[in-house]
PDB file of N, CA and C in Angstrom:
ATOM      1  N   UNK A   1      15.826  89.824-110.968  1.00  0.00           N
ATOM      2  CA  UNK A   1      17.097  89.711-110.435  1.00  0.00           C
ATOM      3  C   UNK A   1      17.983  88.862-110.913  1.00  0.00           C
ATOM      4  N   UNK A   2      19.150  89.540-111.114  1.00  0.00           N
ATOM      5  CA  UNK A   2      20.323  88.775-111.959  1.00  0.00           C
ATOM      6  C   UNK A   2      21.392  88.152-110.790  1.00  0.00           C
ATOM      7  N   UNK A   3      21.802  86.949-112.158  1.00  0.00           N
ATOM      8  CA  UNK A   3      22.709  86.162-110.863  1.00  0.00           C
ATOM      9  C   UNK A   3      23.653  87.147-110.382  1.00  0.00           C
ATOM     10  N   UNK A   4      24.430  86.437-109.804  1.00  0.00           N
ATOM     11  CA  UNK A   4      25.683  87.145-108.743  1.00  0.00           C
ATOM     12  C   UNK A   4      26.569  86.484-109.560  1.00  0.00           C
ATOM     13  N   UNK A   5      27.104  85.291-109.919  1.00  0.00           N
ATOM     14  CA  UNK A   5      28.049  85.008-110.892  1.00  0.00           C
ATOM     15  C   UNK A   5      28.025  85.033-112.319  1.00  0.00           C
ATOM     16  N   UNK A   6      27.078  84.959-112.720  1.00  0.00           N
ATOM     17  CA  UNK A   6      27.272  85.241-114.377  1.00  0.00           C
ATOM     18  C   UNK A   6      26.835  86.973-114.985  1.00  0.00           C
ATOM     19  N   UNK A   7      25.952  87.351-113.851  1.00  0.00           N
ATOM     20  CA  UNK A   7      25.158  88.650-114.205  1.00  0.00           C
ATOM     21  C   UNK A   7      23.821  88.734-115.494  1.00  0.00           C
ATOM     22  N   UNK A   8      23.397  87.359-115.661  1.00  0.00           N
ATOM     23  CA  UNK A   8      21.799  87.151-116.212  1.00  0.00           C
ATOM     24  C   UNK A   8      20.860  86.929-115.440  1.00  0.00           C
ATOM     25  N   UNK A   9      19.631  87.093-116.134  1.00  0.00           N
ATOM     26  CA  UNK A   9      18.446  87.373-115.770  1.00  0.00           C
ATOM     27  C   UNK A   9      18.305  85.912-115.209  1.00  0.00           C
ATOM     28  N   UNK A  10      17.762  85.605-113.762  1.00  0.00           N
ATOM     29  CA  UNK A  10      17.225  84.447-113.204  1.00  0.00           C
ATOM     30  C   UNK A  10      15.996  84.119-113.547  1.00  0.00           C
ATOM     31  N   UNK A  11      15.286  82.846-113.830  1.00  0.00           N
ATOM     32  CA  UNK A  11      14.078  83.009-113.479  1.00  0.00           C
ATOM     33  C   UNK A  11      13.178  82.610-111.605  1.00  0.00           C
ATOM     34  N   UNK A  12      12.218  83.645-112.038  1.00  0.00           N
ATOM     35  CA  UNK A  12      11.103  83.535-110.446  1.00  0.00           C
ATOM     36  C   UNK A  12      10.528  82.100-110.489  1.00  0.00           C
ATOM     37  N   UNK A  13      10.805  81.552-109.874  1.00  0.00           N
ATOM     38  CA  UNK A  13      10.268  80.352-109.270  1.00  0.00           C
ATOM     39  C   UNK A  13       9.773  79.799-108.140  1.00  0.00           C
ATOM     40  N   UNK A  14       9.760  78.926-107.569  1.00  0.00           N
ATOM     41  CA  UNK A  14      10.137  77.837-105.962  1.00  0.00           C
ATOM     42  C   UNK A  14      10.174  76.820-105.648  1.00  0.00           C
ATOM     43  N   UNK A  15      10.197  76.696-104.655  1.00  0.00           N
ATOM     44  CA  UNK A  15      10.853  74.820-103.829  1.00  0.00           C
ATOM     45  C   UNK A  15       9.566  74.766-103.565  1.00  0.00           C
ATOM     46  N   UNK A  16       8.644  73.454-104.012  1.00  0.00           N
ATOM     47  CA  UNK A  16       7.552  72.799-102.797  1.00  0.00           C
ATOM     48  C   UNK A  16       8.203  72.877-101.942  1.00  0.00           C
ATOM     49  N   UNK A  17       6.758  72.855-100.252  1.00  0.00           N
ATOM     50  CA  UNK A  17       7.272  72.320 -99.190  1.00  0.00           C
ATOM     51  C   UNK A  17       6.354  71.406 -98.777  1.00  0.00           C
ATOM     52  N   UNK A  18       6.399  69.848 -98.484  1.00  0.00           N
ATOM     53  CA  UNK A  18       5.308  69.394 -98.083  1.00  0.00           C
ATOM     54  C   UNK A  18       5.243  69.245 -96.582  1.00  0.00           C
ATOM     55  N   UNK A  19       5.770  67.888 -96.486  1.00  0.00           N
ATOM     56  CA  UNK A  19       5.725  68.510 -95.101  1.00  0.00           C
ATOM     57  C   UNK A  19       7.046  68.778 -94.205  1.00  0.00           C
ATOM     58  N   UNK A  20       6.923  69.395 -92.802  1.00  0.00           N
ATOM     59  CA  UNK A  20       7.897  70.252 -92.290  1.00  0.00           C
ATOM     60  C   UNK A  20       8.169  71.509 -92.723  1.00  0.00           C
ATOM     61  N   UNK A  21       9.458  71.672 -93.036  1.00  0.00           N
ATOM     62  CA  UNK A  21       9.556  72.963 -93.078  1.00  0.00           C
ATOM     63  C   UNK A  21      11.188  73.100 -94.024  1.00  0.00           C
ATOM     64  N   UNK A  22      11.595  73.899 -95.112  1.00  0.00           N
ATOM     65  CA  UNK A  22      13.031  74.178 -95.585  1.00  0.00           C
ATOM     66  C   UNK A  22      13.804  74.905 -95.372  1.00  0.00           C
ATOM     67  N   UNK A  23      14.848  74.597 -94.684  1.00  0.00           N
ATOM     68  CA  UNK A  23      15.782  75.790 -94.278  1.00  0.00           C
ATOM     69  C   UNK A  23      17.258  75.079 -94.598  1.00  0.00           C
ATOM     70  N   UNK A  24      17.971  76.055 -94.435  1.00  0.00           N
ATOM     71  CA  UNK A  24      19.745  75.519 -94.116  1.00  0.00           C
ATOM     72  C   UNK A  24      20.563  75.371 -93.100  1.00  0.00           C
ATOM     73  N   UNK A  25      21.063  74.337 -93.037  1.00  0.00           N
ATOM     74  CA  UNK A  25      21.466  74.330 -91.904  1.00  0.00           C
ATOM     75  C   UNK A  25      23.093  74.546 -92.076  1.00  0.00           C
ATOM     76  N   UNK A  26      23.901  74.545 -91.198  1.00  0.00           N
ATOM     77  CA  UNK A  26      25.679  74.458 -91.351  1.00  0.00           C
ATOM     78  C   UNK A  26      25.976  73.402 -91.009  1.00  0.00           C
ATOM     79  N   UNK A  27      27.345  73.116 -92.047  1.00  0.00           N
ATOM     80  CA  UNK A  27      27.548  71.938 -91.452  1.00  0.00           C
ATOM     81  C   UNK A  27      28.652  71.820 -90.163  1.00  0.00           C
ATOM     82  N   UNK A  28      28.717  71.265 -89.191  1.00  0.00           N
ATOM     83  CA  UNK A  28      28.263  69.555 -89.913  1.00  0.00           C
ATOM     84  C   UNK A  28      26.928  69.314 -88.828  1.00  0.00           C
ATOM     85  N   UNK A  29      26.233  70.286 -88.519  1.00  0.00           N
ATOM     86  CA  UNK A  29      24.945  69.847 -87.892  1.00  0.00           C
ATOM     87  C   UNK A  29      24.275  68.324 -88.678  1.00  0.00           C
ATOM     88  N   UNK A  30      23.594  67.909 -87.938  1.00  0.00           N
ATOM     89  CA  UNK A  30      22.814  66.620 -88.646  1.00  0.00           C
ATOM     90  C   UNK A  30      21.552  66.944 -88.888  1.00  0.00           C
ATOM     91  N   UNK A  31      20.785  65.739 -89.583  1.00  0.00           N
ATOM     92  CA  UNK A  31      19.673  66.316 -90.042  1.00  0.00           C
ATOM     93  C   UNK A  31      18.935  65.461 -89.037  1.00  0.00           C
ATOM     94  N   UNK A  32      17.666  66.406 -88.393  1.00  0.00           N
ATOM     95  CA  UNK A  32      16.684  66.177 -87.291  1.00  0.00           C
ATOM     96  C   UNK A  32      16.123  64.816 -87.574  1.00  0.00           C
ATOM     97  N   UNK A  33      15.783  63.711 -86.544  1.00  0.00           N
ATOM     98  CA  UNK A  33      14.762  62.699 -86.811  1.00  0.00           C
ATOM     99  C   UNK A  33      13.872  63.478 -86.897  1.00  0.00           C
ATOM    100  N   UNK A  34      13.209  64.493 -86.186  1.00  0.00           N
ATOM    101  CA  UNK A  34      12.065  64.849 -86.283  1.00  0.00           C
ATOM    102  C   UNK A  34      11.808  66.306 -86.606  1.00  0.00           C
ATOM    103  N   UNK A  35      10.389  66.089 -87.734  1.00  0.00           N
ATOM    104  CA  UNK A  35      10.678  67.143 -88.295  1.00  0.00           C
ATOM    105  C   UNK A  35      10.566  68.687 -87.844  1.00  0.00           C
ATOM    106  N   UNK A  36       9.897  68.380 -86.705  1.00  0.00           N
ATOM    107  CA  UNK A  36       9.625  69.764 -86.022  1.00  0.00           C
ATOM    108  C   UNK A  36      10.393  70.334 -85.110  1.00  0.00           C
ATOM    109  N   UNK A  37      11.912  70.157 -85.097  1.00  0.00           N
ATOM    110  CA  UNK A  37      12.993  70.307 -84.397  1.00  0.00           C
ATOM    111  C   UNK A  37      13.761  71.075 -85.795  1.00  0.00           C
ATOM    112  N   UNK A  38      14.423  72.516 -85.677  1.00  0.00           N
ATOM    113  CA  UNK A  38      15.221  73.615 -86.582  1.00  0.00           C
ATOM    114  C   UNK A  38      16.379  73.081 -86.075  1.00  0.00           C
ATOM    115  N   UNK A  39      17.814  72.587 -86.528  1.00  0.00           N
ATOM    116  CA  UNK A  39      19.159  72.860 -86.092  1.00  0.00           C
ATOM    117  C   UNK A  39      19.843  74.170 -85.542  1.00  0.00           C
ATOM    118  N   UNK A  40      20.536  73.453 -84.674  1.00  0.00           N
ATOM    119  CA  UNK A  40      21.305  74.873 -84.997  1.00  0.00           C
ATOM    120  C   UNK A  40      21.598  75.656 -85.593  1.00  0.00           C
ATOM    121  N   UNK A  41      22.229  76.877 -85.667  1.00  0.00           N
ATOM    122  CA  UNK A  41      22.149  78.111 -85.985  1.00  0.00           C
ATOM    123  C   UNK A  41      21.614  77.841 -87.953  1.00  0.00           C
ATOM    124  N   UNK A  42      20.539  77.261 -88.060  1.00  0.00           N
ATOM    125  CA  UNK A  42      19.647  77.085 -89.191  1.00  0.00           C
ATOM    126  C   UNK A  42      19.125  78.477 -89.414  1.00  0.00           C
ATOM    127  N   UNK A  43      18.963  79.039 -90.976  1.00  0.00           N
ATOM    128  CA  UNK A  43      18.242  79.701 -91.541  1.00  0.00           C
ATOM    129  C   UNK A  43      16.650  78.908 -91.753  1.00  0.00           C
ATOM    130  N   UNK A  44      15.431  79.441 -91.800  1.00  0.00           N
ATOM    131  CA  UNK A  44      14.393  79.174 -92.062  1.00  0.00           C
ATOM    132  C   UNK A  44      13.812  79.860 -93.805  1.00  0.00           C
ATOM    133  N   UNK A  45      13.573  78.732 -94.368  1.00  0.00           N
ATOM    134  CA  UNK A  45      13.282  79.157 -95.872  1.00  0.00           C
ATOM    135  C   UNK A  45      11.971  78.903 -96.218  1.00  0.00           C
ATOM    136  N   UNK A  46      11.553  78.278 -94.881  1.00  0.00           N
ATOM    137  CA  UNK A  46       9.828  77.900 -95.530  1.00  0.00           C
ATOM    138  C   UNK A  46       8.815  77.946 -94.198  1.00  0.00           C
ATOM    139  N   UNK A  47       8.123  78.103 -93.872  1.00  0.00           N
ATOM    140  CA  UNK A  47       6.827  77.853 -93.097  1.00  0.00           C
ATOM    141  C   UNK A  47       6.517  76.580 -92.417  1.00  0.00           C
ATOM    142  N   UNK A  48       6.276  75.906 -91.847  1.00  0.00           N
ATOM    143  CA  UNK A  48       6.331  74.950 -91.161  1.00  0.00           C
ATOM    144  C   UNK A  48       4.595  74.259 -91.471  1.00  0.00           C
ATOM    145  N   UNK A  49       4.796  73.080 -92.086  1.00  0.00           N
ATOM    146  CA  UNK A  49       3.043  72.827 -92.807  1.00  0.00           C
ATOM    147  C   UNK A  49       3.623  70.968 -92.420  1.00  0.00           C
ATOM    148  N   UNK A  50       2.669  70.880 -92.046  1.00  0.00           N
ATOM    149  CA  UNK A  50       1.682  69.059 -92.018  1.00  0.00           C
ATOM    150  C   UNK A  50       0.725  68.702 -93.124  1.00  0.00           C
ATOM    151  N   UNK A  51       0.663  69.722 -93.674  1.00  0.00           N
ATOM    152  CA  UNK A  51      -1.129  69.237 -94.512  1.00  0.00           C
ATOM    153  C   UNK A  51      -1.147  69.669 -95.990  1.00  0.00           C
ATOM    154  N   UNK A  52      -1.119  71.248 -95.967  1.00  0.00           N
ATOM    155  CA  UNK A  52      -0.644  71.725 -97.282  1.00  0.00           C
ATOM    156  C   UNK A  52       0.123  72.130 -97.366  1.00  0.00           C
ATOM    157  N   UNK A  53       0.409  72.017 -99.192  1.00  0.00           N
ATOM    158  CA  UNK A  53       2.011  71.455 -99.874  1.00  0.00           C
ATOM    159  C   UNK A  53       1.812  73.824 -99.808  1.00  0.00           C
ATOM    160  N   UNK A  54       3.452  74.370 -99.770  1.00  0.00           N
ATOM    161  CA  UNK A  54       3.797  75.208 -99.501  1.00  0.00           C
ATOM    162  C   UNK A  54       4.659  75.929-100.606  1.00  0.00           C
ATOM    163  N   UNK A  55       4.889  77.069-101.202  1.00  0.00           N
ATOM    164  CA  UNK A  55       5.394  77.499-101.767  1.00  0.00           C
ATOM    165  C   UNK A  55       7.025  78.206-101.091  1.00  0.00           C
ATOM    166  N   UNK A  56       7.970  77.806-101.544  1.00  0.00           N
ATOM    167  CA  UNK A  56       9.539  78.710-101.158  1.00  0.00           C
ATOM    168  C   UNK A  56       9.897  79.342-102.292  1.00  0.00           C
ATOM    169  N   UNK A  57       9.460  80.835-102.412  1.00  0.00           N
ATOM    170  CA  UNK A  57      10.058  81.862-103.628  1.00  0.00           C
ATOM    171  C   UNK A  57      11.725  81.295-103.873  1.00  0.00           C
ATOM    172  N   UNK A  58      12.005  81.052-104.965  1.00  0.00           N
ATOM    173  CA  UNK A  58      13.223  81.147-105.360  1.00  0.00           C
ATOM    174  C   UNK A  58      13.562  81.640-107.039  1.00  0.00           C
ATOM    175  N   UNK A  59      14.446  82.196-107.135  1.00  0.00           N
ATOM    176  CA  UNK A  59      14.771  82.167-108.554  1.00  0.00           C
ATOM    177  C   UNK A  59      16.095  81.992-109.103  1.00  0.00           C
ATOM    178  N   UNK A  60      16.134  80.631-110.443  1.00  0.00           N
ATOM    179  CA  UNK A  60      17.045  80.101-110.658  1.00  0.00           C
ATOM    180  C   UNK A  60      17.813  80.584-112.123  1.00  0.00           C
ATOM    181  N   UNK A  61      18.928  80.373-112.185  1.00  0.00           N
ATOM    182  CA  UNK A  61      19.595  80.644-113.064  1.00  0.00           C
ATOM    183  C   UNK A  61      20.409  79.647-113.945  1.00  0.00           C
ATOM    184  N   UNK A  62      19.525  79.687-115.254  1.00  0.00           N
ATOM    185  CA  UNK A  62      20.244  78.232-116.052  1.00  0.00           C
ATOM    186  C   UNK A  62      21.496  78.311-117.117  1.00  0.00           C
ATOM    187  N   UNK A  63      21.863  79.508-116.738  1.00  0.00           N
ATOM    188  CA  UNK A  63      23.664  79.403-116.842  1.00  0.00           C
ATOM    189  C   UNK A  63      24.607  78.860-115.882  1.00  0.00           C
ATOM    190  N   UNK A  64      24.373  79.315-115.079  1.00  0.00           N
ATOM    191  CA  UNK A  64      24.989  78.686-113.847  1.00  0.00           C
ATOM    192  C   UNK A  64      24.625  77.779-112.917  1.00  0.00           C
ATOM    193  N   UNK A  65      23.706  76.704-112.970  1.00  0.00           N
ATOM    194  CA  UNK A  65      22.565  76.306-112.535  1.00  0.00           C
ATOM    195  C   UNK A  65      22.992  76.185-111.120  1.00  0.00           C
ATOM    196  N   UNK A  66      22.065  78.083-110.923  1.00  0.00           N
ATOM    197  CA  UNK A  66      21.948  77.689-108.916  1.00  0.00           C
ATOM    198  C   UNK A  66      20.770  78.234-108.783  1.00  0.00           C
ATOM    199  N   UNK A  67      20.265  78.190-107.802  1.00  0.00           N
ATOM    200  CA  UNK A  67      19.228  78.498-107.245  1.00  0.00           C
ATOM    201  C   UNK A  67      19.519  79.309-106.031  1.00  0.00           C
ATOM    202  N   UNK A  68      19.029  80.565-105.772  1.00  0.00           N
ATOM    203  CA  UNK A  68      19.193  81.368-104.620  1.00  0.00           C
ATOM    204  C   UNK A  68      17.666  81.790-103.997  1.00  0.00           C
ATOM    205  N   UNK A  69      17.481  81.660-103.074  1.00  0.00           N
ATOM    206  CA  UNK A  69      16.361  82.201-102.041  1.00  0.00           C
ATOM    207  C   UNK A  69      16.420  83.066-101.216  1.00  0.00           C
ATOM    208  N   UNK A  70      14.972  83.376-100.386  1.00  0.00           N
ATOM    209  CA  UNK A  70      15.301  84.623 -99.664  1.00  0.00           C
ATOM    210  C   UNK A  70      14.854  83.826 -98.227  1.00  0.00           C
ATOM    211  N   UNK A  71      15.926  84.534 -97.127  1.00  0.00           N
ATOM    212  CA  UNK A  71      15.122  83.781 -95.729  1.00  0.00           C
ATOM    213  C   UNK A  71      13.772  84.377 -95.975  1.00  0.00           C
ATOM    214  N   UNK A  72      12.957  83.147 -95.565  1.00  0.00           N
ATOM    215  CA  UNK A  72      11.641  82.992 -94.759  1.00  0.00           C
ATOM    216  C   UNK A  72      10.655  84.766 -94.326  1.00  0.00           C
ATOM    217  N   UNK A  73      11.347  85.656 -93.611  1.00  0.00           N
ATOM    218  CA  UNK A  73      10.984  86.645 -93.407  1.00  0.00           C
ATOM    219  C   UNK A  73      11.565  88.179 -94.486  1.00  0.00           C
ATOM    220  N   UNK A  74      12.171  87.750 -95.240  1.00  0.00           N
ATOM    221  CA  UNK A  74      12.866  89.182 -96.418  1.00  0.00           C
ATOM    222  C   UNK A  74      11.512  89.776 -96.573  1.00  0.00           C
ATOM    223  N   UNK A  75      12.095  90.899 -96.876  1.00  0.00           N
ATOM    224  CA  UNK A  75      11.254  91.916 -97.439  1.00  0.00           C
ATOM    225  C   UNK A  75      10.256  91.847 -98.996  1.00  0.00           C
ATOM    226  N   UNK A  76      11.153  90.890 -99.418  1.00  0.00           N
ATOM    227  CA  UNK A  76      11.144  90.895-101.237  1.00  0.00           C
ATOM    228  C   UNK A  76      10.116  89.490-101.272  1.00  0.00           C
ATOM    229  N   UNK A  77      10.015  88.573-100.072  1.00  0.00           N
ATOM    230  CA  UNK A  77       9.110  87.346-100.502  1.00  0.00           C
ATOM    231  C   UNK A  77       7.810  87.519 -99.491  1.00  0.00           C
ATOM    232  N   UNK A  78       7.219  86.343-100.037  1.00  0.00           N
ATOM    233  CA  UNK A  78       5.512  86.497 -99.934  1.00  0.00           C
ATOM    234  C   UNK A  78       5.766  86.776 -98.102  1.00  0.00           C
ATOM    235  N   UNK A  79       3.961  87.398 -97.775  1.00  0.00           N
ATOM    236  CA  UNK A  79       4.338  87.069 -96.158  1.00  0.00           C
ATOM    237  C   UNK A  79       3.873  85.613 -95.697  1.00  0.00           C
ATOM    238  N   UNK A  80       4.261  85.861 -94.670  1.00  0.00           N
ATOM    239  CA  UNK A  80       4.208  84.530 -93.656  1.00  0.00           C
ATOM    240  C   UNK A  80       3.083  84.797 -92.704  1.00  0.00           C
ATOM    241  N   UNK A  81       2.680  83.477 -91.953  1.00  0.00           N
ATOM    242  CA  UNK A  81       2.243  83.618 -90.998  1.00  0.00           C
ATOM    243  C   UNK A  81       3.047  83.161 -89.817  1.00  0.00           C
ATOM    244  N   UNK A  82       3.426  83.644 -89.075  1.00  0.00           N
ATOM    245  CA  UNK A  82       3.832  83.254 -87.979  1.00  0.00           C
ATOM    246  C   UNK A  82       3.475  81.459 -87.355  1.00  0.00           C
ATOM    247  N   UNK A  83       4.275  80.800 -86.833  1.00  0.00           N
ATOM    248  CA  UNK A  83       3.734  79.396 -86.294  1.00  0.00           C
ATOM    249  C   UNK A  83       4.563  78.763 -85.480  1.00  0.00           C
ATOM    250  N   UNK A  84       3.766  78.358 -83.999  1.00  0.00           N
ATOM    251  CA  UNK A  84       4.794  78.650 -83.000  1.00  0.00           C
ATOM    252  C   UNK A  84       5.423  76.903 -82.933  1.00  0.00           C
ATOM    253  N   UNK A  85       6.197  76.763 -84.031  1.00  0.00           N
ATOM    254  CA  UNK A  85       6.917  75.372 -84.164  1.00  0.00           C
ATOM    255  C   UNK A  85       8.274  76.092 -84.611  1.00  0.00           C
ATOM    256  N   UNK A  86       8.155  77.836 -84.955  1.00  0.00           N
ATOM    257  CA  UNK A  86       9.145  77.990 -85.764  1.00  0.00           C
ATOM    258  C   UNK A  86      10.083  78.552 -84.769  1.00  0.00           C
TER     259      UNK A  86
END
Protein backbone atom coordinates (compact mmCIF):
# COMPACT_ATOMS: atom_id res chain seq x y z
CA UNK A 1 0.00 0.00 0.00
CA UNK A 2 1.27 3.48 -0.85
CA UNK A 3 0.72 6.53 1.32
CA UNK A 4 -2.11 8.71 -0.03
CA UNK A 5 -0.18 11.86 0.98
CA UNK A 6 3.37 11.26 -0.33
CA UNK A 7 2.83 8.11 -2.47
CA UNK A 8 5.72 6.28 -0.76
CA UNK A 9 5.35 2.61 0.25
CA UNK A 10 3.81 2.07 3.69
CA UNK A 11 4.97 -0.58 6.15
CA UNK A 12 2.42 -3.21 7.17
CA UNK A 13 2.03 -3.74 10.91
CA UNK A 14 -0.58 -3.73 13.66
CA UNK A 15 -1.95 -1.87 16.66
CA UNK A 16 -2.23 -4.06 19.78
CA UNK A 17 -5.61 -4.31 21.50
CA UNK A 18 -5.43 -5.53 25.11
CA UNK A 19 -8.81 -4.87 26.76
CA UNK A 20 -11.97 -3.72 25.09
CA UNK A 21 -11.82 -2.76 21.42
CA UNK A 22 -10.24 -0.21 19.13
CA UNK A 23 -12.62 2.19 17.38
CA UNK A 24 -12.79 5.64 15.82
CA UNK A 25 -15.42 8.02 17.19
CA UNK A 26 -16.47 11.42 15.82
CA UNK A 27 -16.13 14.59 17.84
CA UNK A 28 -17.74 15.60 20.18
CA UNK A 29 -18.47 12.05 21.41
CA UNK A 30 -17.10 11.29 24.86
CA UNK A 31 -15.01 8.30 25.85
CA UNK A 32 -17.42 5.81 27.48
CA UNK A 33 -16.83 4.74 31.07
CA UNK A 34 -17.56 1.07 30.27
CA UNK A 35 -15.38 -0.72 27.70
CA UNK A 36 -18.30 -2.64 26.19
CA UNK A 37 -20.17 0.53 25.13
CA UNK A 38 -19.51 1.82 21.61
CA UNK A 39 -20.00 5.57 21.05
CA UNK A 40 -22.69 6.72 18.60
CA UNK A 41 -21.59 6.71 14.91
CA UNK A 42 -18.24 5.13 15.79
CA UNK A 43 -16.39 2.75 13.47
CA UNK A 44 -15.09 -0.53 14.90
CA UNK A 45 -11.43 -1.19 14.07
CA UNK A 46 -10.86 -4.38 16.09
CA UNK A 47 -12.67 -7.20 17.82
CA UNK A 48 -13.70 -6.97 21.48
CA UNK A 49 -11.36 -8.71 23.94
CA UNK A 50 -11.06 -9.09 27.67
CA UNK A 51 -8.41 -11.79 27.91
CA UNK A 52 -6.14 -12.43 24.91
CA UNK A 53 -4.42 -9.51 23.17
CA UNK A 54 -5.52 -8.93 19.56
CA UNK A 55 -3.88 -7.32 16.53
CA UNK A 56 -5.57 -4.62 14.44
CA UNK A 57 -3.83 -4.52 11.03
CA UNK A 58 -2.47 -1.09 10.03
CA UNK A 59 -0.06 0.55 7.56
CA UNK A 60 2.52 3.17 8.61
CA UNK A 61 4.24 5.87 6.51
CA UNK A 62 7.62 6.84 7.98
CA UNK A 63 7.78 9.95 5.80
CA UNK A 64 4.41 11.44 6.80
CA UNK A 65 4.19 9.80 10.27
CA UNK A 66 0.69 8.56 9.36
CA UNK A 67 -1.09 5.33 10.29
CA UNK A 68 -3.90 4.00 8.08
CA UNK A 69 -6.13 1.08 8.93
CA UNK A 70 -9.28 -0.52 7.58
CA UNK A 71 -12.54 -1.08 9.39
CA UNK A 72 -12.83 -4.43 11.16
CA UNK A 73 -14.84 -6.11 8.39
CA UNK A 74 -12.91 -4.72 5.40
CA UNK A 75 -12.18 -7.41 2.81
CA UNK A 76 -8.37 -7.06 3.03
CA UNK A 77 -8.21 -7.33 6.81
CA UNK A 78 -7.96 -10.58 8.71
CA UNK A 79 -11.16 -12.52 9.30
CA UNK A 80 -12.69 -11.65 12.64
CA UNK A 81 -15.22 -13.69 14.57
CA UNK A 82 -18.54 -12.06 15.36
CA UNK A 83 -18.92 -10.85 18.92
CA UNK A 84 -22.24 -10.04 20.62
CA UNK A 85 -20.70 -6.91 22.24
CA UNK A 86 -20.04 -5.24 18.87
